[in-house]
PDB file of N, CA and C in Angstrom:
ATOM      1  N   UNK A   1      33.120-212.014 -46.938  1.00  0.00           N
ATOM      2  CA  UNK A   1      33.003-211.182 -45.938  1.00  0.00           C
ATOM      3  C   UNK A   1      34.481-210.471 -45.524  1.00  0.00           C
ATOM      4  N   UNK A   2      34.426-209.632 -45.033  1.00  0.00           N
ATOM      5  CA  UNK A   2      35.818-208.682 -44.966  1.00  0.00           C
ATOM      6  C   UNK A   2      35.982-208.465 -43.488  1.00  0.00           C
ATOM      7  N   UNK A   3      37.463-208.719 -43.293  1.00  0.00           N
ATOM      8  CA  UNK A   3      37.913-208.780 -42.024  1.00  0.00           C
ATOM      9  C   UNK A   3      39.289-207.712 -41.644  1.00  0.00           C
ATOM     10  N   UNK A   4      39.173-207.114 -41.030  1.00  0.00           N
ATOM     11  CA  UNK A   4      40.153-205.713 -40.410  1.00  0.00           C
ATOM     12  C   UNK A   4      40.804-206.318 -38.993  1.00  0.00           C
ATOM     13  N   UNK A   5      41.357-206.918 -39.095  1.00  0.00           N
ATOM     14  CA  UNK A   5      42.524-207.649 -37.707  1.00  0.00           C
ATOM     15  C   UNK A   5      43.279-206.242 -37.388  1.00  0.00           C
ATOM     16  N   UNK A   6      42.973-205.644 -35.895  1.00  0.00           N
ATOM     17  CA  UNK A   6      44.267-204.355 -35.462  1.00  0.00           C
ATOM     18  C   UNK A   6      44.863-205.072 -34.281  1.00  0.00           C
ATOM     19  N   UNK A   7      45.796-204.762 -34.285  1.00  0.00           N
ATOM     20  CA  UNK A   7      46.861-205.081 -32.944  1.00  0.00           C
ATOM     21  C   UNK A   7      47.858-204.215 -32.710  1.00  0.00           C
ATOM     22  N   UNK A   8      48.123-204.675 -31.560  1.00  0.00           N
ATOM     23  CA  UNK A   8      49.428-203.632 -31.493  1.00  0.00           C
ATOM     24  C   UNK A   8      50.688-204.560 -31.003  1.00  0.00           C
ATOM     25  N   UNK A   9      51.882-204.144 -31.005  1.00  0.00           N
ATOM     26  CA  UNK A   9      53.171-204.989 -30.413  1.00  0.00           C
ATOM     27  C   UNK A   9      53.679-204.056 -29.278  1.00  0.00           C
ATOM     28  N   UNK A  10      54.502-204.934 -28.501  1.00  0.00           N
ATOM     29  CA  UNK A  10      55.032-204.375 -27.281  1.00  0.00           C
ATOM     30  C   UNK A  10      56.183-203.506 -28.272  1.00  0.00           C
ATOM     31  N   UNK A  11      56.551-202.688 -27.161  1.00  0.00           N
ATOM     32  CA  UNK A  11      57.802-201.616 -27.734  1.00  0.00           C
ATOM     33  C   UNK A  11      59.069-202.301 -27.809  1.00  0.00           C
ATOM     34  N   UNK A  12      59.191-203.276 -26.781  1.00  0.00           N
ATOM     35  CA  UNK A  12      60.449-204.152 -26.758  1.00  0.00           C
ATOM     36  C   UNK A  12      60.394-204.882 -28.140  1.00  0.00           C
ATOM     37  N   UNK A  13      59.719-205.591 -28.625  1.00  0.00           N
ATOM     38  CA  UNK A  13      59.116-206.493 -29.598  1.00  0.00           C
ATOM     39  C   UNK A  13      59.790-205.839 -31.091  1.00  0.00           C
ATOM     40  N   UNK A  14      59.341-204.547 -31.208  1.00  0.00           N
ATOM     41  CA  UNK A  14      59.478-203.834 -32.015  1.00  0.00           C
ATOM     42  C   UNK A  14      60.936-203.194 -32.220  1.00  0.00           C
ATOM     43  N   UNK A  15      61.074-202.663 -31.498  1.00  0.00           N
ATOM     44  CA  UNK A  15      62.850-202.403 -30.735  1.00  0.00           C
ATOM     45  C   UNK A  15      63.521-203.630 -31.433  1.00  0.00           C
ATOM     46  N   UNK A  16      63.224-204.906 -31.114  1.00  0.00           N
ATOM     47  CA  UNK A  16      64.022-206.326 -31.649  1.00  0.00           C
ATOM     48  C   UNK A  16      63.955-206.381 -32.642  1.00  0.00           C
ATOM     49  N   UNK A  17      63.002-206.565 -33.418  1.00  0.00           N
ATOM     50  CA  UNK A  17      62.491-206.734 -34.755  1.00  0.00           C
ATOM     51  C   UNK A  17      63.451-205.510 -35.597  1.00  0.00           C
ATOM     52  N   UNK A  18      63.683-204.494 -35.281  1.00  0.00           N
ATOM     53  CA  UNK A  18      63.750-203.371 -36.167  1.00  0.00           C
ATOM     54  C   UNK A  18      65.349-203.183 -36.201  1.00  0.00           C
ATOM     55  N   UNK A  19      65.866-203.671 -34.953  1.00  0.00           N
ATOM     56  CA  UNK A  19      67.332-204.081 -35.142  1.00  0.00           C
ATOM     57  C   UNK A  19      67.693-205.199 -35.483  1.00  0.00           C
ATOM     58  N   UNK A  20      67.100-205.958 -35.616  1.00  0.00           N
ATOM     59  CA  UNK A  20      67.281-207.565 -35.916  1.00  0.00           C
ATOM     60  C   UNK A  20      67.759-207.502 -37.725  1.00  0.00           C
ATOM     61  N   UNK A  21      66.470-206.739 -38.336  1.00  0.00           N
ATOM     62  CA  UNK A  21      66.926-206.737 -39.650  1.00  0.00           C
ATOM     63  C   UNK A  21      67.087-204.906 -39.939  1.00  0.00           C
ATOM     64  N   UNK A  22      68.696-205.076 -40.295  1.00  0.00           N
ATOM     65  CA  UNK A  22      69.313-203.556 -40.515  1.00  0.00           C
ATOM     66  C   UNK A  22      68.375-202.751 -41.938  1.00  0.00           C
ATOM     67  N   UNK A  23      67.976-201.862 -41.834  1.00  0.00           N
ATOM     68  CA  UNK A  23      67.251-201.183 -42.916  1.00  0.00           C
ATOM     69  C   UNK A  23      65.887-201.457 -43.267  1.00  0.00           C
ATOM     70  N   UNK A  24      65.223-202.211 -42.431  1.00  0.00           N
ATOM     71  CA  UNK A  24      63.927-202.634 -42.475  1.00  0.00           C
ATOM     72  C   UNK A  24      63.257-201.168 -42.265  1.00  0.00           C
ATOM     73  N   UNK A  25      63.164-200.663 -41.375  1.00  0.00           N
ATOM     74  CA  UNK A  25      62.623-199.167 -41.418  1.00  0.00           C
ATOM     75  C   UNK A  25      62.009-198.580 -42.387  1.00  0.00           C
ATOM     76  N   UNK A  26      63.091-198.894 -43.674  1.00  0.00           N
ATOM     77  CA  UNK A  26      63.069-197.842 -44.998  1.00  0.00           C
ATOM     78  C   UNK A  26      62.419-198.947 -45.603  1.00  0.00           C
ATOM     79  N   UNK A  27      62.184-200.180 -45.958  1.00  0.00           N
ATOM     80  CA  UNK A  27      61.674-200.845 -46.773  1.00  0.00           C
ATOM     81  C   UNK A  27      60.267-200.413 -47.098  1.00  0.00           C
ATOM     82  N   UNK A  28      59.630-201.058 -48.151  1.00  0.00           N
ATOM     83  CA  UNK A  28      58.094-200.897 -48.537  1.00  0.00           C
ATOM     84  C   UNK A  28      57.137-201.539 -47.372  1.00  0.00           C
ATOM     85  N   UNK A  29      56.276-200.710 -47.357  1.00  0.00           N
ATOM     86  CA  UNK A  29      55.438-201.215 -46.304  1.00  0.00           C
ATOM     87  C   UNK A  29      55.071-203.091 -46.875  1.00  0.00           C
ATOM     88  N   UNK A  30      55.089-203.611 -47.632  1.00  0.00           N
ATOM     89  CA  UNK A  30      54.624-204.927 -47.700  1.00  0.00           C
ATOM     90  C   UNK A  30      56.294-205.705 -47.374  1.00  0.00           C
ATOM     91  N   UNK A  31      57.049-205.297 -47.595  1.00  0.00           N
ATOM     92  CA  UNK A  31      58.428-206.027 -47.303  1.00  0.00           C
ATOM     93  C   UNK A  31      58.526-205.896 -45.666  1.00  0.00           C
ATOM     94  N   UNK A  32      57.921-204.975 -44.836  1.00  0.00           N
ATOM     95  CA  UNK A  32      58.007-204.772 -43.307  1.00  0.00           C
ATOM     96  C   UNK A  32      56.805-205.906 -42.422  1.00  0.00           C
ATOM     97  N   UNK A  33      55.106-205.957 -43.594  1.00  0.00           N
ATOM     98  CA  UNK A  33      54.505-206.675 -43.274  1.00  0.00           C
ATOM     99  C   UNK A  33      54.960-207.960 -43.277  1.00  0.00           C
ATOM    100  N   UNK A  34      55.863-208.470 -44.461  1.00  0.00           N
ATOM    101  CA  UNK A  34      56.051-209.857 -44.500  1.00  0.00           C
ATOM    102  C   UNK A  34      57.355-209.982 -43.243  1.00  0.00           C
ATOM    103  N   UNK A  35      58.399-209.285 -42.916  1.00  0.00           N
ATOM    104  CA  UNK A  35      59.157-209.630 -42.101  1.00  0.00           C
ATOM    105  C   UNK A  35      58.211-209.777 -40.357  1.00  0.00           C
ATOM    106  N   UNK A  36      57.376-208.693 -40.313  1.00  0.00           N
ATOM    107  CA  UNK A  36      56.378-208.797 -38.914  1.00  0.00           C
ATOM    108  C   UNK A  36      55.919-210.002 -39.054  1.00  0.00           C
ATOM    109  N   UNK A  37      55.290-210.714 -40.095  1.00  0.00           N
ATOM    110  CA  UNK A  37      54.792-211.898 -40.235  1.00  0.00           C
ATOM    111  C   UNK A  37      55.459-213.081 -39.882  1.00  0.00           C
ATOM    112  N   UNK A  38      56.913-213.086 -40.645  1.00  0.00           N
ATOM    113  CA  UNK A  38      57.775-214.122 -40.543  1.00  0.00           C
ATOM    114  C   UNK A  38      58.512-214.424 -39.122  1.00  0.00           C
ATOM    115  N   UNK A  39      58.251-213.362 -38.265  1.00  0.00           N
ATOM    116  CA  UNK A  39      58.802-213.261 -36.825  1.00  0.00           C
ATOM    117  C   UNK A  39      57.870-214.220 -35.862  1.00  0.00           C
ATOM    118  N   UNK A  40      56.817-214.400 -36.446  1.00  0.00           N
ATOM    119  CA  UNK A  40      55.715-215.448 -35.758  1.00  0.00           C
ATOM    120  C   UNK A  40      55.355-214.966 -34.235  1.00  0.00           C
ATOM    121  N   UNK A  41      55.753-214.069 -33.945  1.00  0.00           N
ATOM    122  CA  UNK A  41      55.272-213.104 -32.474  1.00  0.00           C
ATOM    123  C   UNK A  41      54.053-212.578 -32.615  1.00  0.00           C
ATOM    124  N   UNK A  42      53.472-213.200 -31.445  1.00  0.00           N
ATOM    125  CA  UNK A  42      52.039-213.093 -31.057  1.00  0.00           C
ATOM    126  C   UNK A  42      51.265-213.848 -32.034  1.00  0.00           C
ATOM    127  N   UNK A  43      50.205-212.872 -32.740  1.00  0.00           N
ATOM    128  CA  UNK A  43      49.489-213.602 -33.775  1.00  0.00           C
ATOM    129  C   UNK A  43      49.844-213.383 -35.070  1.00  0.00           C
ATOM    130  N   UNK A  44      51.019-212.886 -35.151  1.00  0.00           N
ATOM    131  CA  UNK A  44      51.731-212.767 -36.481  1.00  0.00           C
ATOM    132  C   UNK A  44      50.626-212.701 -37.369  1.00  0.00           C
ATOM    133  N   UNK A  45      50.239-213.384 -38.519  1.00  0.00           N
ATOM    134  CA  UNK A  45      49.008-213.189 -39.689  1.00  0.00           C
ATOM    135  C   UNK A  45      48.204-214.420 -39.694  1.00  0.00           C
ATOM    136  N   UNK A  46      48.252-215.000 -38.801  1.00  0.00           N
ATOM    137  CA  UNK A  46      47.689-216.276 -38.351  1.00  0.00           C
ATOM    138  C   UNK A  46      46.279-216.321 -38.849  1.00  0.00           C
ATOM    139  N   UNK A  47      45.331-215.219 -38.232  1.00  0.00           N
ATOM    140  CA  UNK A  47      44.031-214.958 -38.444  1.00  0.00           C
ATOM    141  C   UNK A  47      43.757-214.527 -40.089  1.00  0.00           C
ATOM    142  N   UNK A  48      44.291-213.586 -40.241  1.00  0.00           N
ATOM    143  CA  UNK A  48      44.309-213.276 -41.757  1.00  0.00           C
ATOM    144  C   UNK A  48      44.733-214.239 -43.115  1.00  0.00           C
ATOM    145  N   UNK A  49      45.749-215.089 -42.579  1.00  0.00           N
ATOM    146  CA  UNK A  49      46.228-215.694 -44.062  1.00  0.00           C
ATOM    147  C   UNK A  49      44.783-216.761 -44.099  1.00  0.00           C
ATOM    148  N   UNK A  50      44.588-217.347 -42.788  1.00  0.00           N
ATOM    149  CA  UNK A  50      43.543-218.644 -42.988  1.00  0.00           C
ATOM    150  C   UNK A  50      42.044-217.934 -43.503  1.00  0.00           C
ATOM    151  N   UNK A  51      41.918-217.014 -43.038  1.00  0.00           N
ATOM    152  CA  UNK A  51      40.520-215.935 -43.464  1.00  0.00           C
ATOM    153  C   UNK A  51      40.685-216.172 -45.023  1.00  0.00           C
ATOM    154  N   UNK A  52      41.818-215.729 -45.578  1.00  0.00           N
ATOM    155  CA  UNK A  52      41.892-215.645 -46.924  1.00  0.00           C
ATOM    156  C   UNK A  52      41.814-216.623 -47.892  1.00  0.00           C
ATOM    157  N   UNK A  53      42.550-217.727 -47.142  1.00  0.00           N
ATOM    158  CA  UNK A  53      42.465-219.194 -47.392  1.00  0.00           C
ATOM    159  C   UNK A  53      40.977-219.781 -47.755  1.00  0.00           C
ATOM    160  N   UNK A  54      40.201-219.330 -47.005  1.00  0.00           N
ATOM    161  CA  UNK A  54      38.632-219.510 -47.132  1.00  0.00           C
ATOM    162  C   UNK A  54      37.672-218.815 -47.924  1.00  0.00           C
ATOM    163  N   UNK A  55      38.641-217.660 -48.543  1.00  0.00           N
ATOM    164  CA  UNK A  55      38.024-216.972 -49.497  1.00  0.00           C
ATOM    165  C   UNK A  55      37.465-215.800 -49.267  1.00  0.00           C
ATOM    166  N   UNK A  56      38.166-215.268 -47.838  1.00  0.00           N
ATOM    167  CA  UNK A  56      37.674-213.705 -47.217  1.00  0.00           C
ATOM    168  C   UNK A  56      38.416-212.730 -47.582  1.00  0.00           C
ATOM    169  N   UNK A  57      38.227-211.530 -47.473  1.00  0.00           N
ATOM    170  CA  UNK A  57      39.109-210.634 -47.603  1.00  0.00           C
ATOM    171  C   UNK A  57      39.832-210.352 -46.205  1.00  0.00           C
ATOM    172  N   UNK A  58      41.072-210.225 -46.098  1.00  0.00           N
ATOM    173  CA  UNK A  58      41.565-210.061 -44.508  1.00  0.00           C
ATOM    174  C   UNK A  58      42.877-208.962 -44.726  1.00  0.00           C
ATOM    175  N   UNK A  59      42.794-208.095 -43.881  1.00  0.00           N
ATOM    176  CA  UNK A  59      43.962-207.377 -43.990  1.00  0.00           C
ATOM    177  C   UNK A  59      44.522-207.146 -42.181  1.00  0.00           C
ATOM    178  N   UNK A  60      45.768-206.971 -42.087  1.00  0.00           N
ATOM    179  CA  UNK A  60      45.991-206.880 -40.997  1.00  0.00           C
ATOM    180  C   UNK A  60      46.649-205.552 -40.659  1.00  0.00           C
ATOM    181  N   UNK A  61      46.336-204.907 -39.224  1.00  0.00           N
ATOM    182  CA  UNK A  61      47.268-203.510 -38.857  1.00  0.00           C
ATOM    183  C   UNK A  61      47.720-203.581 -38.010  1.00  0.00           C
ATOM    184  N   UNK A  62      48.948-202.889 -38.049  1.00  0.00           N
ATOM    185  CA  UNK A  62      49.969-202.824 -36.670  1.00  0.00           C
ATOM    186  C   UNK A  62      49.638-201.368 -36.284  1.00  0.00           C
ATOM    187  N   UNK A  63      48.612-201.181 -35.196  1.00  0.00           N
ATOM    188  CA  UNK A  63      48.185-200.056 -35.011  1.00  0.00           C
ATOM    189  C   UNK A  63      49.333-198.871 -34.365  1.00  0.00           C
ATOM    190  N   UNK A  64      50.301-199.566 -33.787  1.00  0.00           N
ATOM    191  CA  UNK A  64      51.418-198.649 -33.030  1.00  0.00           C
ATOM    192  C   UNK A  64      52.772-198.773 -33.232  1.00  0.00           C
ATOM    193  N   UNK A  65      52.627-199.279 -34.724  1.00  0.00           N
ATOM    194  CA  UNK A  65      54.297-199.517 -35.443  1.00  0.00           C
ATOM    195  C   UNK A  65      54.007-198.075 -36.811  1.00  0.00           C
ATOM    196  N   UNK A  66      55.049-197.480 -35.752  1.00  0.00           N
ATOM    197  CA  UNK A  66      54.940-195.877 -36.667  1.00  0.00           C
ATOM    198  C   UNK A  66      56.019-196.327 -38.032  1.00  0.00           C
ATOM    199  N   UNK A  67      56.823-197.375 -38.067  1.00  0.00           N
ATOM    200  CA  UNK A  67      57.803-197.442 -39.229  1.00  0.00           C
ATOM    201  C   UNK A  67      56.710-198.106 -40.502  1.00  0.00           C
ATOM    202  N   UNK A  68      55.763-199.000 -40.138  1.00  0.00           N
ATOM    203  CA  UNK A  68      55.029-199.456 -41.148  1.00  0.00           C
ATOM    204  C   UNK A  68      54.501-198.191 -41.571  1.00  0.00           C
ATOM    205  N   UNK A  69      53.653-197.499 -40.240  1.00  0.00           N
ATOM    206  CA  UNK A  69      52.593-196.345 -41.093  1.00  0.00           C
ATOM    207  C   UNK A  69      53.518-195.244 -41.843  1.00  0.00           C
ATOM    208  N   UNK A  70      54.728-195.141 -41.428  1.00  0.00           N
ATOM    209  CA  UNK A  70      55.302-193.962 -42.443  1.00  0.00           C
ATOM    210  C   UNK A  70      55.960-194.513 -43.896  1.00  0.00           C
ATOM    211  N   UNK A  71      56.028-195.876 -43.921  1.00  0.00           N
ATOM    212  CA  UNK A  71      56.381-197.109 -45.085  1.00  0.00           C
ATOM    213  C   UNK A  71      54.984-196.536 -45.843  1.00  0.00           C
ATOM    214  N   UNK A  72      53.599-196.940 -45.531  1.00  0.00           N
ATOM    215  CA  UNK A  72      52.400-196.806 -45.964  1.00  0.00           C
ATOM    216  C   UNK A  72      52.258-195.435 -46.405  1.00  0.00           C
ATOM    217  N   UNK A  73      52.533-194.751 -45.810  1.00  0.00           N
ATOM    218  CA  UNK A  73      52.101-192.895 -46.144  1.00  0.00           C
ATOM    219  C   UNK A  73      53.035-192.715 -47.165  1.00  0.00           C
ATOM    220  N   UNK A  74      54.706-192.793 -47.197  1.00  0.00           N
ATOM    221  CA  UNK A  74      55.480-192.596 -48.341  1.00  0.00           C
ATOM    222  C   UNK A  74      55.089-193.239 -49.699  1.00  0.00           C
ATOM    223  N   UNK A  75      54.624-194.451 -49.756  1.00  0.00           N
ATOM    224  CA  UNK A  75      54.051-195.049 -50.668  1.00  0.00           C
ATOM    225  C   UNK A  75      53.132-194.492 -51.357  1.00  0.00           C
ATOM    226  N   UNK A  76      51.812-193.850 -50.766  1.00  0.00           N
ATOM    227  CA  UNK A  76      51.208-193.254 -51.690  1.00  0.00           C
ATOM    228  C   UNK A  76      51.215-191.958 -51.278  1.00  0.00           C
ATOM    229  N   UNK A  77      52.357-191.040 -51.050  1.00  0.00           N
ATOM    230  CA  UNK A  77      52.852-189.795 -51.150  1.00  0.00           C
ATOM    231  C   UNK A  77      52.169-188.838 -50.380  1.00  0.00           C
ATOM    232  N   UNK A  78      52.036-189.325 -48.763  1.00  0.00           N
ATOM    233  CA  UNK A  78      51.315-188.596 -48.159  1.00  0.00           C
ATOM    234  C   UNK A  78      52.398-188.322 -46.984  1.00  0.00           C
ATOM    235  N   UNK A  79      53.386-188.562 -47.042  1.00  0.00           N
ATOM    236  CA  UNK A  79      54.902-188.426 -45.925  1.00  0.00           C
ATOM    237  C   UNK A  79      55.380-187.073 -46.271  1.00  0.00           C
TER     238      UNK A  79
END
C-alpha cells in the first residue's frame, strides 16, 4: 500500500528550525527532511517511518515549507 502524509507546520516553528540550524535552507531536500524529523515536533515522521517498517511505501510532505520545496525544485532543475 502507498501513503502520502501531508502536514503543515506553524510559521513560528519553521522560523525556529531554520534559525537553529544555520544554512539548513540551502541544504539538499533529504537533509532538510531529516532535520525536520529529528526535531520531533508535531507528527515528525512517526507515521511514515512505522508504515515503512511494515513494508508500505510512505512519504511525508510539508505543504507550507517553502525551504524544502525550493530544495526539491533545485535538485530537479526546476528552480
